[in-house]
C-alpha atoms as a PDB file:
ATOM      1  CA  UNK A   1      10.507  20.783  10.995  1.00  0.00           C
ATOM      2  CA  UNK A   2      14.103  18.963  10.654  1.00  0.00           C
ATOM      3  CA  UNK A   3      15.119  17.333   7.536  1.00  0.00           C
ATOM      4  CA  UNK A   4      16.388  14.102   7.451  1.00  0.00           C
ATOM      5  CA  UNK A   5      18.482  11.922   5.006  1.00  0.00           C
ATOM      6  CA  UNK A   6      16.698   9.130   3.575  1.00  0.00           C
ATOM      7  CA  UNK A   7      19.155   6.847   5.403  1.00  0.00           C
ATOM      8  CA  UNK A   8      18.624   7.937   8.409  1.00  0.00           C
ATOM      9  CA  UNK A   9      14.537   8.168   7.876  1.00  0.00           C
ATOM     10  CA  UNK A  10      14.917   4.183   6.440  1.00  0.00           C
ATOM     11  CA  UNK A  11      17.268   3.454   9.919  1.00  0.00           C
ATOM     12  CA  UNK A  12      14.395   4.790  12.366  1.00  0.00           C
ATOM     13  CA  UNK A  13      12.033   3.161  10.647  1.00  0.00           C
ATOM     14  CA  UNK A  14      13.779  -0.041  10.836  1.00  0.00           C
ATOM     15  CA  UNK A  15      14.457   0.321  14.550  1.00  0.00           C
ATOM     16  CA  UNK A  16      11.138   1.043  15.111  1.00  0.00           C
ATOM     17  CA  UNK A  17       8.960  -0.805  17.758  1.00  0.00           C
ATOM     18  CA  UNK A  18       5.766  -0.013  16.688  1.00  0.00           C
ATOM     19  CA  UNK A  19       4.481  -3.077  15.046  1.00  0.00           C
ATOM     20  CA  UNK A  20       5.761  -4.854  18.034  1.00  0.00           C
ATOM     21  CA  UNK A  21       3.266  -3.082  20.377  1.00  0.00           C
ATOM     22  CA  UNK A  22       0.358  -3.447  17.498  1.00  0.00           C
ATOM     23  CA  UNK A  23       0.810  -7.376  17.954  1.00  0.00           C
ATOM     24  CA  UNK A  24       0.964  -7.038  21.657  1.00  0.00           C
ATOM     25  CA  UNK A  25      -1.905  -5.660  21.624  1.00  0.00           C
ATOM     26  CA  UNK A  26      -3.934  -7.788  19.067  1.00  0.00           C
ATOM     27  CA  UNK A  27      -3.256 -10.372  21.276  1.00  0.00           C
ATOM     28  CA  UNK A  28      -3.905  -8.948  24.543  1.00  0.00           C
ATOM     29  CA  UNK A  29      -7.329  -8.113  22.634  1.00  0.00           C
ATOM     30  CA  UNK A  30      -7.858 -11.988  21.621  1.00  0.00           C
ATOM     31  CA  UNK A  31      -7.165 -13.009  25.322  1.00  0.00           C
ATOM     32  CA  UNK A  32      -9.579 -10.179  26.684  1.00  0.00           C
ATOM     33  CA  UNK A  33     -12.281 -11.627  24.076  1.00  0.00           C
ATOM     34  CA  UNK A  34     -11.537 -15.165  24.897  1.00  0.00           C
ATOM     35  CA  UNK A  35     -12.274 -13.997  28.860  1.00  0.00           C
ATOM     36  CA  UNK A  36     -15.778 -12.886  27.551  1.00  0.00           C
ATOM     37  CA  UNK A  37     -16.563 -15.421  24.700  1.00  0.00           C
ATOM     38  CA  UNK A  38     -13.756 -18.550  24.291  1.00  0.00           C
ATOM     39  CA  UNK A  39     -16.031 -19.567  21.221  1.00  0.00           C
ATOM     40  CA  UNK A  40     -16.210 -16.559  19.407  1.00  0.00           C
ATOM     41  CA  UNK A  41     -12.355 -16.195  20.238  1.00  0.00           C
ATOM     42  CA  UNK A  42     -11.538 -19.338  18.967  1.00  0.00           C
ATOM     43  CA  UNK A  43     -13.873 -18.684  15.842  1.00  0.00           C
ATOM     44  CA  UNK A  44     -12.201 -15.049  14.954  1.00  0.00           C
ATOM     45  CA  UNK A  45      -8.511 -17.307  15.270  1.00  0.00           C
ATOM     46  CA  UNK A  46      -9.496 -19.587  12.750  1.00  0.00           C
ATOM     47  CA  UNK A  47     -10.618 -17.247  10.284  1.00  0.00           C
ATOM     48  CA  UNK A  48      -7.524 -15.242  10.967  1.00  0.00           C
ATOM     49  CA  UNK A  49      -5.106 -18.394  10.009  1.00  0.00           C
ATOM     50  CA  UNK A  50      -7.573 -19.247   7.063  1.00  0.00           C
ATOM     51  CA  UNK A  51      -6.731 -15.979   5.708  1.00  0.00           C
ATOM     52  CA  UNK A  52      -2.966 -16.336   6.634  1.00  0.00           C
ATOM     53  CA  UNK A  53      -2.613 -19.553   4.650  1.00  0.00           C
ATOM     54  CA  UNK A  54      -4.454 -18.213   1.964  1.00  0.00           C
ATOM     55  CA  UNK A  55      -2.648 -15.104   1.200  1.00  0.00           C
ATOM     56  CA  UNK A  56       0.732 -17.121   1.894  1.00  0.00           C
ATOM     57  CA  UNK A  57       1.334 -17.703  -1.753  1.00  0.00           C
ATOM     58  CA  UNK A  58       1.234 -14.492  -2.705  1.00  0.00           C
ATOM     59  CA  UNK A  59       2.912 -13.490  -0.195  1.00  0.00           C
ATOM     60  CA  UNK A  60       5.619 -16.103  -1.218  1.00  0.00           C
ATOM     61  CA  UNK A  61       5.469 -14.645  -4.605  1.00  0.00           C
ATOM     62  CA  UNK A  62       5.852 -10.980  -3.480  1.00  0.00           C
ATOM     63  CA  UNK A  63       8.886 -11.623  -1.533  1.00  0.00           C
ATOM     64  CA  UNK A  64      10.584 -13.594  -4.304  1.00  0.00           C
ATOM     65  CA  UNK A  65       9.681 -10.550  -6.682  1.00  0.00           C
ATOM     66  CA  UNK A  66      11.910  -8.908  -3.382  1.00  0.00           C
ATOM     67  CA  UNK A  67      14.659 -11.077  -3.262  1.00  0.00           C
ATOM     68  CA  UNK A  68      15.353 -11.635  -7.427  1.00  0.00           C
ATOM     69  CA  UNK A  69      14.874  -7.419  -7.095  1.00  0.00           C
ATOM     70  CA  UNK A  70      18.233  -7.364  -4.556  1.00  0.00           C
ATOM     71  CA  UNK A  71      19.242 -10.151  -6.137  1.00  0.00           C
ATOM     72  CA  UNK A  72      20.314  -8.727  -9.629  1.00  0.00           C
ATOM     73  CA  UNK A  73      21.475  -5.260  -9.838  1.00  0.00           C
ATOM     74  CA  UNK A  74      20.723  -4.823 -13.420  1.00  0.00           C
ATOM     75  CA  UNK A  75      16.884  -6.073 -13.048  1.00  0.00           C
ATOM     76  CA  UNK A  76      17.269  -2.757 -10.458  1.00  0.00           C
ATOM     77  CA  UNK A  77      18.707  -0.341 -12.881  1.00  0.00           C
ATOM     78  CA  UNK A  78      16.587  -1.635 -15.944  1.00  0.00           C
ATOM     79  CA  UNK A  79      13.051  -1.630 -13.605  1.00  0.00           C
ATOM     80  CA  UNK A  80      14.382   1.898 -12.295  1.00  0.00           C
ATOM     81  CA  UNK A  81      15.466   3.466 -15.897  1.00  0.00           C
ATOM     82  CA  UNK A  82      11.839   2.172 -16.859  1.00  0.00           C
ATOM     83  CA  UNK A  83      10.115   3.778 -13.843  1.00  0.00           C
ATOM     84  CA  UNK A  84      13.014   6.159 -12.427  1.00  0.00           C
ATOM     85  CA  UNK A  85      12.940  10.012 -12.706  1.00  0.00           C
ATOM     86  CA  UNK A  86      13.558  10.206 -16.270  1.00  0.00           C
ATOM     87  CA  UNK A  87      10.798   7.429 -17.626  1.00  0.00           C
ATOM     88  CA  UNK A  88       8.419   9.430 -19.812  1.00  0.00           C
ATOM     89  CA  UNK A  89       5.871   7.215 -21.714  1.00  0.00           C
ATOM     90  CA  UNK A  90       7.769   3.934 -20.681  1.00  0.00           C
ATOM     91  CA  UNK A  91       7.382   4.287 -17.057  1.00  0.00           C
ATOM     92  CA  UNK A  92       3.300   5.036 -17.252  1.00  0.00           C
ATOM     93  CA  UNK A  93       3.240   2.069 -19.172  1.00  0.00           C
ATOM     94  CA  UNK A  94       4.671  -0.372 -16.977  1.00  0.00           C
ATOM     95  CA  UNK A  95       2.993   0.930 -14.054  1.00  0.00           C
ATOM     96  CA  UNK A  96      -0.266   1.116 -15.452  1.00  0.00           C
ATOM     97  CA  UNK A  97       0.265  -2.271 -17.259  1.00  0.00           C
ATOM     98  CA  UNK A  98       1.700  -4.011 -14.130  1.00  0.00           C
ATOM     99  CA  UNK A  99      -1.057  -2.520 -11.800  1.00  0.00           C
ATOM    100  CA  UNK A 100      -3.859  -4.529 -14.662  1.00  0.00           C
ATOM    101  CA  UNK A 101      -1.547  -7.715 -14.521  1.00  0.00           C
ATOM    102  CA  UNK A 102      -1.655  -7.579 -10.588  1.00  0.00           C
ATOM    103  CA  UNK A 103      -4.370  -9.137  -8.410  1.00  0.00           C
ATOM    104  CA  UNK A 104      -4.915 -10.337  -5.178  1.00  0.00           C
ATOM    105  CA  UNK A 105      -5.080  -8.774  -1.975  1.00  0.00           C
ATOM    106  CA  UNK A 106      -3.053  -5.192  -2.116  1.00  0.00           C
ATOM    107  CA  UNK A 107      -1.133  -5.317   1.197  1.00  0.00           C
ATOM    108  CA  UNK A 108       1.131  -8.106  -0.031  1.00  0.00           C
ATOM    109  CA  UNK A 109       2.036  -5.528  -2.774  1.00  0.00           C
ATOM    110  CA  UNK A 110       3.002  -2.806  -0.670  1.00  0.00           C
ATOM    111  CA  UNK A 111       7.010  -4.159   0.837  1.00  0.00           C
ATOM    112  CA  UNK A 112       7.433  -4.546  -3.063  1.00  0.00           C
ATOM    113  CA  UNK A 113       6.567  -0.765  -3.783  1.00  0.00           C
ATOM    114  CA  UNK A 114       8.296   0.537  -1.119  1.00  0.00           C
ATOM    115  CA  UNK A 115      11.208  -1.474  -1.787  1.00  0.00           C
ATOM    116  CA  UNK A 116      11.071  -0.118  -5.598  1.00  0.00           C
ATOM    117  CA  UNK A 117      10.305   3.895  -4.219  1.00  0.00           C
ATOM    118  CA  UNK A 118      13.721   3.126  -2.114  1.00  0.00           C
ATOM    119  CA  UNK A 119      15.513   2.582  -5.635  1.00  0.00           C
ATOM    120  CA  UNK A 120      14.126   5.395  -7.486  1.00  0.00           C
ATOM    121  CA  UNK A 121      10.715   4.671  -8.598  1.00  0.00           C
ATOM    122  CA  UNK A 122       8.673   7.669  -8.970  1.00  0.00           C
ATOM    123  CA  UNK A 123       5.770   8.064  -6.272  1.00  0.00           C
ATOM    124  CA  UNK A 124       3.417   9.395  -9.375  1.00  0.00           C
ATOM    125  CA  UNK A 125       3.840   5.719 -11.146  1.00  0.00           C
ATOM    126  CA  UNK A 126       3.464   3.872  -8.143  1.00  0.00           C
ATOM    127  CA  UNK A 127      -0.007   5.805  -7.719  1.00  0.00           C
ATOM    128  CA  UNK A 128      -0.389   4.540 -11.505  1.00  0.00           C
ATOM    129  CA  UNK A 129       0.140   1.505 -10.107  1.00  0.00           C
ATOM    130  CA  UNK A 130      -2.365   1.745  -7.492  1.00  0.00           C
ATOM    131  CA  UNK A 131      -4.803   3.251  -9.511  1.00  0.00           C
ATOM    132  CA  UNK A 132      -4.803   0.827 -12.211  1.00  0.00           C
ATOM    133  CA  UNK A 133      -5.399  -2.509 -10.100  1.00  0.00           C
ATOM    134  CA  UNK A 134      -8.787  -1.480  -9.896  1.00  0.00           C
ATOM    135  CA  UNK A 135      -9.126  -3.015 -13.577  1.00  0.00           C
ATOM    136  CA  UNK A 136      -9.668  -6.577 -12.932  1.00  0.00           C
ATOM    137  CA  UNK A 137      -8.980  -8.514 -16.061  1.00  0.00           C
ATOM    138  CA  UNK A 138     -11.057 -11.457 -15.005  1.00  0.00           C
ATOM    139  CA  UNK A 139     -14.211  -9.354 -13.940  1.00  0.00           C
ATOM    140  CA  UNK A 140     -13.831  -7.752 -18.041  1.00  0.00           C
ATOM    141  CA  UNK A 141     -16.150 -10.162 -19.580  1.00  0.00           C
ATOM    142  CA  UNK A 142     -19.136 -10.362 -16.991  1.00  0.00           C
ATOM    143  CA  UNK A 143     -19.071  -6.804 -16.838  1.00  0.00           C
ATOM    144  CA  UNK A 144     -19.452  -7.217 -21.172  1.00  0.00           C
ATOM    145  CA  UNK A 145     -22.117  -9.685 -20.516  1.00  0.00           C
ATOM    146  CA  UNK A 146     -24.457  -7.418 -18.014  1.00  0.00           C
ATOM    147  CA  UNK A 147     -23.423  -3.574 -19.191  1.00  0.00           C
ATOM    148  CA  UNK A 148     -22.227  -4.333 -23.381  1.00  0.00           C
ATOM    149  CA  UNK A 149     -19.083  -4.258 -24.700  1.00  0.00           C
ATOM    150  CA  UNK A 150     -18.825  -0.075 -25.013  1.00  0.00           C
ATOM    151  CA  UNK A 151     -19.442   0.618 -21.842  1.00  0.00           C
ATOM    152  CA  UNK A 152     -16.717  -2.167 -20.351  1.00  0.00           C
ATOM    153  CA  UNK A 153     -14.253  -0.730 -22.836  1.00  0.00           C
ATOM    154  CA  UNK A 154     -15.092   2.944 -21.889  1.00  0.00           C
ATOM    155  CA  UNK A 155     -15.242   2.691 -18.609  1.00  0.00           C
ATOM    156  CA  UNK A 156     -11.821   0.225 -18.565  1.00  0.00           C
ATOM    157  CA  UNK A 157     -10.241   3.735 -20.630  1.00  0.00           C
ATOM    158  CA  UNK A 158     -11.326   5.978 -18.280  1.00  0.00           C
ATOM    159  CA  UNK A 159      -9.777   3.938 -15.316  1.00  0.00           C
ATOM    160  CA  UNK A 160      -6.783   3.667 -17.712  1.00  0.00           C
ATOM    161  CA  UNK A 161      -6.152   7.272 -17.936  1.00  0.00           C
ATOM    162  CA  UNK A 162      -7.500   8.413 -14.599  1.00  0.00           C
ATOM    163  CA  UNK A 163      -4.993   6.018 -12.955  1.00  0.00           C
ATOM    164  CA  UNK A 164      -2.789   8.222 -14.991  1.00  0.00           C
ATOM    165  CA  UNK A 165      -4.269  11.478 -13.505  1.00  0.00           C
ATOM    166  CA  UNK A 166      -3.893  10.356 -10.537  1.00  0.00           C
ATOM    167  CA  UNK A 167      -0.183   9.225 -10.258  1.00  0.00           C
ATOM    168  CA  UNK A 168       0.445  12.787 -12.027  1.00  0.00           C
ATOM    169  CA  UNK A 169      -2.178  14.777  -9.060  1.00  0.00           C
ATOM    170  CA  UNK A 170       0.271  12.513  -6.537  1.00  0.00           C
ATOM    171  CA  UNK A 171       3.359  13.654  -8.012  1.00  0.00           C
ATOM    172  CA  UNK A 172       2.152  17.510  -8.018  1.00  0.00           C
ATOM    173  CA  UNK A 173       1.078  17.247  -4.804  1.00  0.00           C
ATOM    174  CA  UNK A 174       4.317  15.810  -3.134  1.00  0.00           C
ATOM    175  CA  UNK A 175       6.143  18.656  -4.930  1.00  0.00           C
ATOM    176  CA  UNK A 176       4.017  21.261  -3.807  1.00  0.00           C
ATOM    177  CA  UNK A 177       4.506  19.319  -0.256  1.00  0.00           C
ATOM    178  CA  UNK A 178       1.003  19.731   0.354  1.00  0.00           C
ATOM    179  CA  UNK A 179       1.086  15.381   1.386  1.00  0.00           C
END
C-alpha cells in the first residue's frame, strides 16, 4: 500500500466526484419513483425539504464555528493545545464535556470534527466526543424520574467513563493499524 502525504489525501478527497454521483443517483431515484407513484415522490420530497429546513440552523451554527475556527489562528492553537497530541487530561475533559453539551443530529458536526482532526486533534478525543454525545442533558431529569436518581447518576458516570475507554481503544487500534 502506498503511503500518501496528508496534503495529497486532502487534494484527492476535494477533487472526488463521488458526492456529485450520489446526488445524481438520488435525483434519478426520485424521478423513477415519480414515474410509478407521483404522490409518494411528492410527499417524500416535502419531507426532505422539511428536514432540510429543520437542520439549517444547526448547519449554519456548525459552519459558523468552522469559519470562526479558521478565522482565528490563536483559537486553532489553543484548541489544538487543549486537544492535540500532548493534551493530557484537559483534552479528555474538553472532548467529553463538548460531547455532552452538543445536541441535535450528529451529521452536521462531522465537518467541524474533520476540520479539527486536520489541525491535529487526537482521534481518541474525537471518538470520546462522539461517544459522550449519548448523554442527553434534557433527558436526565426524566430518566431520574422514571428510574431513580442513583440509576441516572451511575449510568451517566459509566457513559462518561466508557467514552474515555472508547477513545483510548480507537487510538490504540489506529496506532496498530487495525482500523
